[in-house]
């Protein structure tokens, strides 16, 4: 079984799961992009994931993230 994520790791992974860059996440949280990268790396390690996509998939599968935390992009927003 995978180890539980910290509240901060869960928060950052949820933001990443919604398509936000490390820079955008850092700006919202008032930290550096490097700090975001370190938080995500620690989350990947705890989940046994190799990258962002796998970490999100594992977190959803084991209940660390809820499907309600993932927002589906509105396809109409990019349409003229």
Protein backbone atom coordinates (compact mmCIF):
# COMPACT_ATOMS: atom_id res chain seq x y z
CA UNK A 1 0.00 0.00 0.00
CA UNK A 2 1.19 3.51 -0.74
CA UNK A 3 1.95 5.98 2.02
CA UNK A 4 -0.48 8.82 2.59
CA UNK A 5 0.28 12.20 1.09
CA UNK A 6 0.65 15.26 3.27
CA UNK A 7 -2.05 17.91 3.01
CA UNK A 8 0.34 20.15 1.03
CA UNK A 9 1.31 17.35 -1.35
CA UNK A 10 -2.38 16.59 -1.94
CA UNK A 11 -3.13 20.29 -2.54
CA UNK A 12 -0.29 20.73 -5.02
CA UNK A 13 -1.06 17.47 -6.83
CA UNK A 14 -4.72 18.49 -7.19
CA UNK A 15 -3.65 21.81 -8.70
CA UNK A 16 -1.28 20.00 -11.05
CA UNK A 17 -4.00 17.51 -11.97
CA UNK A 18 -6.07 20.41 -13.22
CA UNK A 19 -3.44 21.41 -15.76
CA UNK A 20 -1.64 24.11 -13.79
CA UNK A 21 2.07 24.64 -14.32
CA UNK A 22 4.54 24.66 -11.45
CA UNK A 23 4.92 28.42 -11.95
CA UNK A 24 1.16 29.01 -11.70
CA UNK A 25 0.87 26.80 -8.62
CA UNK A 26 3.81 28.62 -7.01
CA UNK A 27 2.21 31.99 -7.71
CA UNK A 28 -1.10 30.96 -6.11
CA UNK A 29 0.56 29.43 -3.06
CA UNK A 30 3.18 32.13 -2.57
CA UNK A 31 6.14 29.78 -2.94
CA UNK A 32 8.81 29.28 -5.59
CA UNK A 33 8.39 26.98 -8.61
CA UNK A 34 11.32 25.00 -7.20
CA UNK A 35 9.34 24.41 -3.99
CA UNK A 36 6.39 23.16 -6.04
CA UNK A 37 8.70 20.78 -7.93
CA UNK A 38 10.10 19.47 -4.63
CA UNK A 39 6.61 18.94 -3.21
CA UNK A 40 5.53 17.07 -6.34
CA UNK A 41 8.69 14.95 -6.33
CA UNK A 42 8.01 13.94 -2.74
CA UNK A 43 4.41 13.09 -3.67
CA UNK A 44 5.59 10.98 -6.62
CA UNK A 45 7.97 9.12 -4.32
CA UNK A 46 5.26 8.42 -1.75
CA UNK A 47 2.89 7.19 -4.44
CA UNK A 48 5.53 5.20 -6.31
CA UNK A 49 4.90 7.26 -9.45
CA UNK A 50 7.34 8.20 -12.18
CA UNK A 51 5.64 11.40 -13.34
CA UNK A 52 2.75 13.82 -12.87
CA UNK A 53 0.21 11.82 -14.88
CA UNK A 54 0.97 8.57 -13.10
CA UNK A 55 0.87 10.30 -9.71
CA UNK A 56 -2.59 11.70 -10.44
CA UNK A 57 -3.82 8.28 -11.63
CA UNK A 58 -2.47 6.52 -8.54
CA UNK A 59 -3.80 9.23 -6.21
CA UNK A 60 -7.26 8.83 -7.73
CA UNK A 61 -7.07 5.04 -7.53
CA UNK A 62 -6.06 4.96 -3.86
CA UNK A 63 -8.37 7.76 -2.74
CA UNK A 64 -5.77 10.47 -2.13
CA UNK A 65 -7.60 12.65 -4.69
CA UNK A 66 -11.31 12.58 -5.41
CA UNK A 67 -12.69 12.69 -8.92
CA UNK A 68 -14.63 15.81 -7.87
CA UNK A 69 -11.27 17.61 -7.55
CA UNK A 70 -10.54 17.22 -11.26
CA UNK A 71 -12.21 19.81 -13.45
CA UNK A 72 -12.97 18.92 -17.04
CA UNK A 73 -12.02 21.77 -19.39
CA UNK A 74 -14.89 23.40 -21.22
CA UNK A 75 -14.25 22.67 -24.92
CA UNK A 76 -16.31 25.72 -25.86
CA UNK A 77 -13.89 28.15 -24.19
CA UNK A 78 -11.35 27.84 -26.98
CA UNK A 79 -13.92 27.96 -29.76
CA UNK A 80 -14.47 31.20 -31.71
